[in-house]
């Protein structure tokens, strides 16, 4: 045990141009417990020191090309190597050689043949000085990191992760205590900032949802108003999309925020335009000719149910009993609208209800596609412009080839104000929805159905004097309960996070 405890620990480099001397020195040093590498000349010595870490160097003086004094001078002139202790071991016995080595920075000068006991003592002392020096340098580096952390805090950045003081705070000394205080104070301020930021985002998100609901909730009532005269839904959808595209192009040019024209961006606009604008607009106008705006507003909230069904089918969401019950309540909502059709003024049959369900289905498909697309930081106005223009281009040939085109003299003269209003609402809502998702996250966007349904019912009562029967109240109750149970996973996690104190 005493022999083991007296063994040295560390890594030594033996430098000697004579192979026999290198082997003898290597064996002697290895017997003392050190790991050893050898170098045959000065150049190899410097290359090895720069490539790997060593605790001490045993250096011969008399070597070809680059003697030991030159190697020693190069080591001490290199900031990355100067703190490595060097013991010169040479056959030179002149006092001037010893003095020169010491002046160049050597820890000691031993003459050959060396005494093993003295060698061990010199090695132990040199390695210990190296260890203390490394500890001192590490301490100074950590002091510099504390100073840098104070500069970060002065810039009002209190995120503890940016300070990088966790390892220093683990020290059991005054420096560790100081780092611990730094982290504690910064963390407390950061938590308060995050809490305030979350509250601001919550208020901002609530306002955006309210605004989105009030604006988008107009669509069922406006669609109902424009379709009661028997307009062809294809022709009406074409004009709303064309006017909406024209509005968005003007906004895009005025703001200098243009859609991207890369192949992937164009494909994205076409897909989103097909489901989010063309099909959904067509089905909305078509169903509005037979279904009251109030019921359409309730039906549009089925988007959340359909998103979950599609996501669960694709393995993106895990099914659960709670969500299954929510889906059953959603189905009950639809049945409460379809079955007592004779009591719902304006409902011309359950087929029109099913047609209206195609609108939230299109929105659900759009949501799934958007979720699958990579985040590219697209501007809301640019994205909305590209999507609406793509939808208009999709609808144009279909309208012309089907013979459902409405002449401008009829469309703009008789219904121009209504088409313009629907187009404006659709365009503004598209931009607002993208902005809401980008600024407050998908959590708030997933709850937009609540605001849209409430606003849609309000507008249908205000503009069309529609009334809610007992069946509609029951359907609305089932809808709200079902939506709460089929709440997206992100919403649940966010709600739990907000419930926990920061």
Protein backbone atom coordinates (compact mmCIF):
# COMPACT_ATOMS: atom_id res chain seq x y z
CA UNK A 1 0.00 0.00 0.00
CA UNK A 2 2.83 2.41 0.87
CA UNK A 3 4.55 1.61 -2.42
CA UNK A 4 1.38 2.27 -4.39
CA UNK A 5 0.69 5.48 -2.53
CA UNK A 6 4.20 6.76 -3.33
CA UNK A 7 3.78 6.22 -7.06
CA UNK A 8 3.48 9.31 -9.19
CA UNK A 9 0.52 10.12 -11.42
CA UNK A 10 0.69 12.00 -14.66
CA UNK A 11 1.97 11.96 -18.22
CA UNK A 12 5.62 12.53 -19.13
CA UNK A 13 7.42 13.14 -22.43
CA UNK A 14 11.02 11.86 -22.74
CA UNK A 15 13.11 13.66 -25.39
CA UNK A 16 16.49 12.18 -26.37
CA UNK A 17 18.11 11.50 -29.72
CA UNK A 18 19.82 8.28 -28.50
CA UNK A 19 17.47 5.31 -28.54
CA UNK A 20 19.27 3.55 -25.68
CA UNK A 21 19.01 6.59 -23.45
CA UNK A 22 15.34 7.01 -24.34
CA UNK A 23 14.56 3.41 -23.42
CA UNK A 24 16.42 3.66 -20.10
CA UNK A 25 14.71 6.93 -19.22
CA UNK A 26 11.30 5.62 -20.29
CA UNK A 27 11.63 2.53 -18.08
CA UNK A 28 12.82 4.57 -15.11
CA UNK A 29 9.95 7.04 -15.39
CA UNK A 30 7.36 4.34 -16.07
CA UNK A 31 8.49 2.47 -12.94
CA UNK A 32 7.60 5.58 -10.94
CA UNK A 33 3.95 5.28 -12.09
CA UNK A 34 3.85 7.83 -14.92
CA UNK A 35 2.55 7.33 -18.44
CA UNK A 36 5.39 7.92 -20.88
CA UNK A 37 5.80 8.94 -24.52
CA UNK A 38 9.10 9.49 -26.30
CA UNK A 39 10.41 11.91 -28.92
CA UNK A 40 13.66 11.46 -30.86
CA UNK A 41 14.36 15.14 -31.58
CA UNK A 42 13.28 18.68 -30.83
CA UNK A 43 10.86 19.06 -33.73
CA UNK A 44 9.05 15.84 -32.79
CA UNK A 45 8.96 17.03 -29.17
CA UNK A 46 7.18 20.28 -30.06
CA UNK A 47 4.72 18.52 -32.37
CA UNK A 48 3.87 15.97 -29.67
CA UNK A 49 3.39 18.64 -27.00
CA UNK A 50 1.00 20.56 -29.25
CA UNK A 51 -0.96 17.41 -30.10
CA UNK A 52 -1.46 15.97 -26.60
CA UNK A 53 -1.42 17.06 -22.95
CA UNK A 54 1.60 16.34 -20.77
CA UNK A 55 2.41 17.06 -17.14
CA UNK A 56 6.21 17.18 -17.44
CA UNK A 57 9.04 16.96 -20.02
CA UNK A 58 12.42 15.25 -19.56
CA UNK A 59 14.71 16.95 -22.10
CA UNK A 60 18.20 16.09 -23.33
CA UNK A 61 20.45 18.97 -24.39
CA UNK A 62 22.84 17.56 -26.98
CA UNK A 63 20.70 16.77 -30.02
CA UNK A 64 21.17 17.38 -33.76
CA UNK A 65 19.35 20.11 -35.69
CA UNK A 66 17.59 21.57 -32.64
CA UNK A 67 19.38 21.20 -29.31
CA UNK A 68 17.71 21.08 -25.91
CA UNK A 69 18.25 24.78 -25.19
CA UNK A 70 16.46 25.74 -28.42
CA UNK A 71 13.62 23.34 -27.65
CA UNK A 72 13.35 24.75 -24.12
CA UNK A 73 13.22 28.30 -25.49
CA UNK A 74 10.49 27.33 -27.98
CA UNK A 75 8.42 25.69 -25.24
CA UNK A 76 8.59 28.70 -22.94
CA UNK A 77 7.82 31.10 -25.81
CA UNK A 78 4.60 29.28 -26.66
CA UNK A 79 1.70 30.46 -24.43
CA UNK A 80 0.00 27.08 -24.73
CA UNK A 81 3.14 25.18 -23.60
CA UNK A 82 5.00 27.53 -21.27
CA UNK A 83 3.41 26.17 -18.08
CA UNK A 84 4.60 22.59 -18.71
CA UNK A 85 7.55 21.93 -16.35
CA UNK A 86 10.78 20.86 -18.08
CA UNK A 87 13.60 18.95 -16.38
CA UNK A 88 16.85 18.99 -18.37
CA UNK A 89 18.83 15.75 -18.11
CA UNK A 90 22.21 15.89 -19.84
CA UNK A 91 25.76 14.62 -19.73
CA UNK A 92 26.96 18.23 -19.69
CA UNK A 93 28.49 19.08 -16.33
CA UNK A 94 29.50 22.71 -16.74
CA UNK A 95 27.84 25.11 -14.34
CA UNK A 96 27.17 27.49 -17.24
CA UNK A 97 24.95 24.87 -18.88
CA UNK A 98 22.90 24.46 -15.71
CA UNK A 99 22.52 28.22 -15.34
CA UNK A 100 21.51 28.62 -18.98
CA UNK A 101 18.85 25.91 -18.66
CA UNK A 102 17.41 27.47 -15.50
CA UNK A 103 17.40 30.93 -17.08
CA UNK A 104 15.51 29.57 -20.09
CA UNK A 105 12.80 28.27 -17.76
CA UNK A 106 13.80 24.72 -16.81
CA UNK A 107 12.53 23.43 -13.47
CA UNK A 108 15.78 21.62 -12.78
CA UNK A 109 19.00 20.33 -14.34
CA UNK A 110 20.11 16.76 -13.71
CA UNK A 111 23.33 15.24 -14.97
CA UNK A 112 23.73 11.77 -16.37
CA UNK A 113 23.83 9.23 -14.95
CA UNK A 114 20.93 10.40 -12.75
CA UNK A 115 20.02 9.20 -9.29
CA UNK A 116 16.57 7.48 -9.36
CA UNK A 117 15.64 8.88 -5.95
CA UNK A 118 16.51 12.43 -6.98
CA UNK A 119 14.72 11.92 -10.30
CA UNK A 120 11.57 10.84 -8.48
CA UNK A 121 11.73 13.85 -6.16
CA UNK A 122 12.24 16.26 -9.07
CA UNK A 123 9.43 14.68 -11.07
CA UNK A 124 7.05 14.78 -8.11
CA UNK A 125 7.83 18.42 -7.36
CA UNK A 126 7.48 19.44 -11.02
CA UNK A 127 4.16 17.62 -11.50
CA UNK A 128 2.78 19.10 -8.28
CA UNK A 129 3.72 22.62 -9.41
CA UNK A 130 2.04 21.89 -12.74
CA UNK A 131 -1.09 20.71 -10.97
CA UNK A 132 -1.21 23.82 -8.78
CA UNK A 133 -0.60 26.04 -11.80
CA UNK A 134 -3.40 24.35 -13.73
CA UNK A 135 -5.69 24.83 -10.77
CA UNK A 136 -4.72 28.49 -10.57
CA UNK A 137 -5.31 29.01 -14.30
CA UNK A 138 -8.69 27.29 -14.10
CA UNK A 139 -9.61 29.52 -11.17
CA UNK A 140 -8.65 32.62 -13.16
CA UNK A 141 -10.64 31.39 -16.16
CA UNK A 142 -13.68 30.92 -13.97
CA UNK A 143 -13.23 34.41 -12.54
CA UNK A 144 -13.20 35.71 -16.11
CA UNK A 145 -16.41 33.77 -16.80
CA UNK A 146 -18.02 35.38 -13.76
CA UNK A 147 -16.99 38.79 -15.08
CA UNK A 148 -18.46 37.90 -18.48
CA UNK A 149 -21.67 36.75 -16.78
CA UNK A 150 -21.95 40.11 -15.03
CA UNK A 151 -21.71 41.82 -18.43
CA UNK A 152 -24.51 39.59 -19.71
CA UNK A 153 -26.68 40.59 -16.74
CA UNK A 154 -25.87 44.26 -17.35
CA UNK A 155 -27.39 43.78 -20.82
CA UNK A 156 -30.64 42.73 -19.08
CA UNK A 157 -30.29 39.11 -20.17
CA UNK A 158 -31.17 37.08 -17.07
CA UNK A 159 -31.48 33.64 -18.66
CA UNK A 160 -29.40 31.35 -16.38
CA UNK A 161 -28.61 29.10 -19.34
CA UNK A 162 -26.78 31.99 -21.03
CA UNK A 163 -24.59 32.64 -17.99
CA UNK A 164 -22.90 29.22 -18.10
CA UNK A 165 -22.01 29.21 -14.40
CA UNK A 166 -23.40 25.82 -13.34
CA UNK A 167 -19.98 24.14 -13.00
CA UNK A 168 -18.54 27.12 -11.09
CA UNK A 169 -21.53 27.14 -8.72
CA UNK A 170 -20.67 23.52 -7.84
CA UNK A 171 -17.33 24.62 -6.31
CA UNK A 172 -17.12 24.42 -2.53
CA UNK A 173 -15.48 27.80 -1.99
CA UNK A 174 -16.21 31.52 -2.13
CA UNK A 175 -16.06 31.58 -5.93
CA UNK A 176 -18.68 28.83 -6.04
CA UNK A 177 -20.88 30.72 -3.58
CA UNK A 178 -20.62 33.85 -5.72
CA UNK A 179 -21.60 31.91 -8.84
CA UNK A 180 -24.48 30.32 -6.94
CA UNK A 181 -25.74 33.78 -5.91
CA UNK A 182 -25.41 34.97 -9.52
CA UNK A 183 -27.47 32.04 -10.79
CA UNK A 184 -30.07 32.35 -8.05
CA UNK A 185 -30.69 36.06 -8.56
CA UNK A 186 -30.65 35.80 -12.36
CA UNK A 187 -32.97 32.80 -12.26
CA UNK A 188 -35.48 34.60 -10.05
CA UNK A 189 -35.54 37.66 -12.30
CA UNK A 190 -35.76 35.43 -15.38
CA UNK A 191 -38.71 33.50 -13.93
CA UNK A 192 -40.53 36.75 -13.20
CA UNK A 193 -39.80 38.01 -16.71
CA UNK A 194 -41.11 34.76 -18.18
CA UNK A 195 -44.25 34.95 -16.07
CA UNK A 196 -44.87 38.53 -17.19
CA UNK A 197 -44.13 37.61 -20.81
CA UNK A 198 -46.54 34.67 -20.61
CA UNK A 199 -49.26 36.91 -19.21
CA UNK A 200 -48.70 39.45 -21.99
CA UNK A 201 -48.75 36.68 -24.61
CA UNK A 202 -51.92 35.31 -23.07
CA UNK A 203 -53.64 38.69 -23.28
CA UNK A 204 -52.29 39.27 -26.77
CA UNK A 205 -53.37 35.82 -27.90
CA UNK A 206 -56.81 36.28 -26.40
CA UNK A 207 -57.23 39.59 -28.20
CA UNK A 208 -56.08 38.08 -31.50
CA UNK A 209 -58.48 35.15 -31.09
CA UNK A 210 -61.34 37.50 -30.27
CA UNK A 211 -60.54 39.64 -33.32
CA UNK A 212 -60.17 36.56 -35.51
CA UNK A 213 -63.48 35.18 -34.28
CA UNK A 214 -65.34 38.46 -34.79
CA UNK A 215 -63.98 38.82 -38.34
CA UNK A 216 -64.09 35.20 -39.51
CA UNK A 217 -67.43 34.68 -37.81
CA UNK A 218 -68.90 37.01 -40.44
CA UNK A 219 -68.28 34.47 -43.22
CA UNK A 220 -71.33 32.20 -42.63
CA UNK A 221 -73.70 35.18 -42.41
CA UNK A 222 -72.21 36.93 -45.45
CA UNK A 223 -72.27 33.69 -47.41
CA UNK A 224 -75.90 33.17 -46.43
CA UNK A 225 -76.79 36.72 -47.53
CA UNK A 226 -75.13 36.39 -50.92
CA UNK A 227 -76.50 32.92 -51.71
CA UNK A 228 -80.19 33.38 -50.87
CA UNK A 229 -80.82 34.69 -54.41
CA UNK A 230 -79.74 31.40 -55.96
CA UNK A 231 -76.28 32.29 -57.28
CA UNK A 232 -74.18 29.40 -58.54
CA UNK A 233 -71.67 28.53 -55.79
CA UNK A 234 -68.84 27.90 -58.29
CA UNK A 235 -69.26 31.31 -59.87
CA UNK A 236 -69.62 33.01 -56.50
CA UNK A 237 -66.53 31.25 -55.12
CA UNK A 238 -64.55 32.30 -58.20
CA UNK A 239 -65.37 35.99 -57.75
CA UNK A 240 -64.66 35.99 -54.01
CA UNK A 241 -61.27 34.37 -54.62
CA UNK A 242 -60.38 36.67 -57.53
CA UNK A 243 -61.26 39.80 -55.55
CA UNK A 244 -59.46 38.42 -52.49
CA UNK A 245 -56.36 37.67 -54.61
CA UNK A 246 -56.44 41.19 -56.07
CA UNK A 247 -56.66 42.70 -52.59
CA UNK A 248 -53.75 40.60 -51.32
CA UNK A 249 -51.61 41.47 -54.35
CA UNK A 250 -52.17 45.17 -53.66
CA UNK A 251 -51.25 44.69 -50.00
CA UNK A 252 -48.20 42.62 -50.96
CA UNK A 253 -46.95 45.27 -53.39
CA UNK A 254 -47.68 48.11 -50.96
CA UNK A 255 -45.73 46.43 -48.16
CA UNK A 256 -43.01 44.92 -50.34
CA UNK A 257 -43.66 41.45 -48.90
CA UNK A 258 -43.93 39.14 -51.89
CA UNK A 259 -44.63 35.39 -52.04
CA UNK A 260 -41.63 33.19 -52.65
CA UNK A 261 -41.40 31.66 -56.13
CA UNK A 262 -39.36 28.54 -55.41
CA UNK A 263 -40.74 25.17 -56.46
CA UNK A 264 -41.41 24.06 -52.89
CA UNK A 265 -43.15 27.35 -52.04
CA UNK A 266 -45.41 27.16 -55.11
CA UNK A 267 -46.39 23.58 -54.24
CA UNK A 268 -47.15 24.73 -50.71
CA UNK A 269 -49.35 27.58 -51.97
CA UNK A 270 -51.24 25.26 -54.35
CA UNK A 271 -51.96 22.67 -51.66
CA UNK A 272 -52.99 25.21 -49.04
CA UNK A 273 -54.97 27.20 -51.61
CA UNK A 274 -56.88 24.09 -52.70
CA UNK A 275 -58.00 23.03 -49.22
CA UNK A 276 -57.86 26.26 -47.26
CA UNK A 277 -59.50 28.54 -49.84
CA UNK A 278 -60.89 26.99 -53.03
CA UNK A 279 -62.72 23.90 -51.73
CA UNK A 280 -63.65 25.42 -48.38
CA UNK A 281 -64.99 28.60 -50.01
CA UNK A 282 -67.01 26.60 -52.54
CA UNK A 283 -68.54 24.30 -49.92
CA UNK A 284 -69.26 27.21 -47.58
CA UNK A 285 -71.16 29.15 -50.24
CA UNK A 286 -72.95 26.05 -51.50
CA UNK A 287 -74.16 24.96 -48.06
CA UNK A 288 -75.05 28.56 -47.11
CA UNK A 289 -77.76 28.52 -49.76
CA UNK A 290 -79.69 25.94 -47.69
CA UNK A 291 -78.26 25.89 -44.14
CA UNK A 292 -78.77 28.77 -41.64
CA UNK A 293 -75.63 30.74 -40.84
CA UNK A 294 -76.01 29.90 -37.14
CA UNK A 295 -75.75 26.18 -37.83
CA UNK A 296 -72.82 26.66 -40.18
CA UNK A 297 -71.02 28.56 -37.41
CA UNK A 298 -71.52 25.60 -35.08
CA UNK A 299 -70.52 23.10 -37.76
CA UNK A 300 -67.27 24.97 -38.51
CA UNK A 301 -66.09 24.22 -34.98
CA UNK A 302 -66.03 20.52 -35.92
CA UNK A 303 -62.59 21.25 -37.38
CA UNK A 304 -60.96 20.24 -34.08
CA UNK A 305 -62.70 16.85 -34.13
CA UNK A 306 -61.66 16.20 -37.71
CA UNK A 307 -58.07 17.24 -37.05
CA UNK A 308 -57.90 14.68 -34.26
CA UNK A 309 -59.48 11.92 -36.37
CA UNK A 310 -57.03 12.50 -39.23
CA UNK A 311 -54.05 12.85 -36.89
CA UNK A 312 -54.99 9.68 -35.00
CA UNK A 313 -55.40 7.79 -38.29
CA UNK A 314 -51.91 8.88 -39.36
CA UNK A 315 -50.42 8.02 -35.96
CA UNK A 316 -49.71 11.66 -35.10
CA UNK A 317 -51.99 11.64 -32.04
CA UNK A 318 -52.57 8.86 -29.51
CA UNK A 319 -56.24 7.88 -29.09
CA UNK A 320 -57.66 7.85 -25.58
CA UNK A 321 -60.97 7.22 -23.82
CA UNK A 322 -61.40 10.91 -23.04
CA UNK A 323 -60.98 11.89 -26.67
CA UNK A 324 -63.26 9.07 -27.81
CA UNK A 325 -65.98 10.48 -25.55
CA UNK A 326 -65.27 13.92 -27.03
CA UNK A 327 -65.74 12.52 -30.55
CA UNK A 328 -69.03 10.93 -29.48
CA UNK A 329 -70.22 14.31 -28.20
CA UNK A 330 -69.20 15.86 -31.51
CA UNK A 331 -71.23 13.22 -33.36
CA UNK A 332 -74.15 13.92 -31.03
CA UNK A 333 -73.87 17.61 -31.96
CA UNK A 334 -74.19 16.73 -35.65
CA UNK A 335 -77.13 14.39 -34.99
CA UNK A 336 -78.92 17.06 -32.97
CA UNK A 337 -78.67 19.31 -36.01
CA UNK A 338 -79.61 16.69 -38.63
CA UNK A 339 -82.40 14.67 -36.97
CA UNK A 340 -84.86 17.42 -35.92
CA UNK A 341 -84.51 19.10 -39.33
CA UNK A 342 -88.15 20.03 -39.54
CA UNK A 343 -87.73 22.41 -36.60
CA UNK A 344 -84.73 24.18 -38.12
CA UNK A 345 -85.95 26.82 -40.49
CA UNK A 346 -84.06 26.80 -43.76
CA UNK A 347 -82.57 23.32 -43.51
CA UNK A 348 -83.49 21.54 -46.72
CA UNK A 349 -82.34 18.10 -45.64
CA UNK A 350 -79.54 16.33 -43.83
CA UNK A 351 -77.46 16.16 -47.03
CA UNK A 352 -76.84 19.90 -46.79
CA UNK A 353 -75.58 19.47 -43.24
CA UNK A 354 -73.13 16.83 -44.45
CA UNK A 355 -72.06 19.18 -47.25
CA UNK A 356 -71.43 21.91 -44.68
CA UNK A 357 -69.27 19.45 -42.73
CA UNK A 358 -66.96 19.44 -45.74
CA UNK A 359 -65.85 22.96 -44.84
CA UNK A 360 -64.25 22.08 -41.47
CA UNK A 361 -62.91 18.91 -43.10
CA UNK A 362 -61.01 21.06 -45.62
CA UNK A 363 -59.71 23.21 -42.79
CA UNK A 364 -58.63 20.08 -40.91
CA UNK A 365 -56.74 18.74 -43.93
CA UNK A 366 -55.10 22.14 -44.28
CA UNK A 367 -54.05 22.04 -40.62
CA UNK A 368 -52.49 18.59 -41.01
CA UNK A 369 -50.62 19.66 -44.15
CA UNK A 370 -49.33 22.81 -42.48
CA UNK A 371 -48.18 20.79 -39.47
CA UNK A 372 -46.22 18.49 -41.80
CA UNK A 373 -44.48 21.36 -43.60
CA UNK A 374 -41.08 22.54 -42.32
CA UNK A 375 -40.83 25.85 -40.51
CA UNK A 376 -39.41 28.34 -42.98
CA UNK A 377 -40.24 31.65 -41.33
CA UNK A 378 -42.57 32.79 -44.16
CA UNK A 379 -44.10 36.23 -43.79
CA UNK A 380 -47.88 36.18 -43.02
CA UNK A 381 -48.77 38.59 -45.83
CA UNK A 382 -46.56 36.79 -48.35
CA UNK A 383 -47.98 33.40 -47.36
CA UNK A 384 -51.60 34.59 -47.49
CA UNK A 385 -51.02 36.25 -50.87
CA UNK A 386 -49.47 33.16 -52.43
CA UNK A 387 -52.21 30.90 -51.04
CA UNK A 388 -55.14 33.06 -52.20
CA UNK A 389 -53.65 33.63 -55.66
CA UNK A 390 -53.11 29.88 -56.02
CA UNK A 391 -56.74 29.24 -55.01
CA UNK A 392 -58.01 31.73 -57.61
CA UNK A 393 -55.88 30.09 -60.30
CA UNK A 394 -57.28 26.68 -59.36
CA UNK A 395 -60.87 27.90 -59.42
CA UNK A 396 -60.63 29.88 -62.70
CA UNK A 397 -60.46 26.97 -65.22
CA UNK A 398 -63.03 24.94 -63.27
CA UNK A 399 -65.51 27.82 -63.36
CA UNK A 400 -64.96 28.59 -67.04
CA UNK A 401 -65.09 24.96 -68.23
CA UNK A 402 -68.19 24.14 -66.16
CA UNK A 403 -70.14 27.06 -67.60
CA UNK A 404 -70.86 28.52 -64.16
CA UNK A 405 -69.00 31.77 -64.72
CA UNK A 406 -70.99 34.80 -63.56
CA UNK A 407 -70.63 37.77 -65.88
CA UNK A 408 -68.93 40.81 -64.33
CA UNK A 409 -71.98 42.94 -65.11
CA UNK A 410 -74.06 40.69 -62.87
CA UNK A 411 -71.48 39.80 -60.25
CA UNK A 412 -70.02 43.25 -59.68
CA UNK A 413 -73.14 45.32 -60.31
CA UNK A 414 -75.56 43.36 -58.16
CA UNK A 415 -73.27 41.64 -55.66
CA UNK A 416 -70.02 43.59 -55.88
CA UNK A 417 -70.27 44.92 -52.33
CA UNK A 418 -70.96 41.44 -50.93
CA UNK A 419 -68.17 39.78 -52.90
CA UNK A 420 -65.77 42.54 -51.87
CA UNK A 421 -66.77 42.21 -48.22
CA UNK A 422 -66.38 38.42 -48.24
CA UNK A 423 -63.03 38.77 -50.02
CA UNK A 424 -61.85 41.39 -47.52
CA UNK A 425 -62.93 39.27 -44.55
CA UNK A 426 -61.30 36.17 -46.03
CA UNK A 427 -58.03 37.97 -46.82
CA UNK A 428 -57.80 39.71 -43.47
CA UNK A 429 -58.63 36.50 -41.62
CA UNK A 430 -55.98 34.55 -43.55
CA UNK A 431 -53.28 37.06 -42.66
CA UNK A 432 -54.50 37.31 -39.08
CA UNK A 433 -54.55 33.53 -38.66
CA UNK A 434 -50.97 33.15 -39.91
CA UNK A 435 -49.87 36.04 -37.70
CA UNK A 436 -51.63 34.53 -34.68
CA UNK A 437 -49.89 31.19 -35.18
CA UNK A 438 -46.48 32.85 -35.62
CA UNK A 439 -46.76 35.21 -32.65
CA UNK A 440 -48.67 33.19 -30.05
CA UNK A 441 -48.19 29.63 -31.24
CA UNK A 442 -50.41 26.81 -32.41
CA UNK A 443 -51.97 26.50 -28.94
CA UNK A 444 -54.05 29.64 -29.38
CA UNK A 445 -54.75 28.95 -33.05
CA UNK A 446 -56.19 25.53 -32.16
CA UNK A 447 -58.76 27.25 -29.93
CA UNK A 448 -59.94 29.67 -32.63
CA UNK A 449 -63.02 27.51 -33.22
CA UNK A 450 -64.56 28.68 -29.94
CA UNK A 451 -64.28 32.36 -30.88
CA UNK A 452 -65.43 31.78 -34.46
CA UNK A 453 -68.50 29.81 -33.36
CA UNK A 454 -69.53 32.39 -30.77
CA UNK A 455 -69.01 35.28 -33.19
CA UNK A 456 -70.79 33.41 -35.99
CA UNK A 457 -73.86 32.90 -33.82
CA UNK A 458 -73.78 36.56 -32.81
CA UNK A 459 -73.59 37.78 -36.43
CA UNK A 460 -76.35 35.41 -37.57
CA UNK A 461 -78.68 36.79 -34.90
CA UNK A 462 -77.70 40.40 -35.58
CA UNK A 463 -77.70 40.35 -39.39
CA UNK A 464 -80.21 37.61 -40.21
CA UNK A 465 -82.43 37.60 -37.10
CA UNK A 466 -81.92 33.86 -36.74
CA UNK A 467 -83.00 32.23 -33.48
CA UNK A 468 -81.67 29.30 -31.50
CA UNK A 469 -84.05 26.44 -30.84
CA UNK A 470 -83.73 23.96 -28.00
CA UNK A 471 -82.05 21.53 -30.40
CA UNK A 472 -79.45 24.09 -31.40
CA UNK A 473 -78.72 24.89 -27.76
CA UNK A 474 -78.28 21.16 -27.08
CA UNK A 475 -76.01 20.81 -30.12
CA UNK A 476 -73.92 23.76 -28.99
CA UNK A 477 -73.58 22.25 -25.50
CA UNK A 478 -72.39 18.94 -26.95
CA UNK A 479 -69.98 20.80 -29.22
CA UNK A 480 -68.31 22.79 -26.44
CA UNK A 481 -68.05 19.72 -24.19
CA UNK A 482 -66.62 17.63 -27.00
CA UNK A 483 -64.06 20.28 -27.94
CA UNK A 484 -62.84 20.39 -24.35
CA UNK A 485 -62.29 16.62 -24.37
CA UNK A 486 -60.62 16.51 -27.78
CA UNK A 487 -58.29 19.35 -26.83
CA UNK A 488 -55.01 19.06 -28.73
CA UNK A 489 -52.04 17.72 -26.78
CA UNK A 490 -50.19 21.04 -27.05
CA UNK A 491 -53.10 22.86 -25.41
CA UNK A 492 -53.17 20.41 -22.51
CA UNK A 493 -49.42 20.73 -21.95
CA UNK A 494 -49.61 24.52 -22.12
CA UNK A 495 -52.51 24.59 -19.67
CA UNK A 496 -50.57 22.41 -17.23
CA UNK A 497 -47.50 24.62 -17.61
CA UNK A 498 -49.52 27.77 -16.94
CA UNK A 499 -51.08 26.15 -13.89
CA UNK A 500 -47.66 25.49 -12.34
CA UNK A 501 -45.88 28.37 -10.63
CA UNK A 502 -42.77 29.46 -12.46
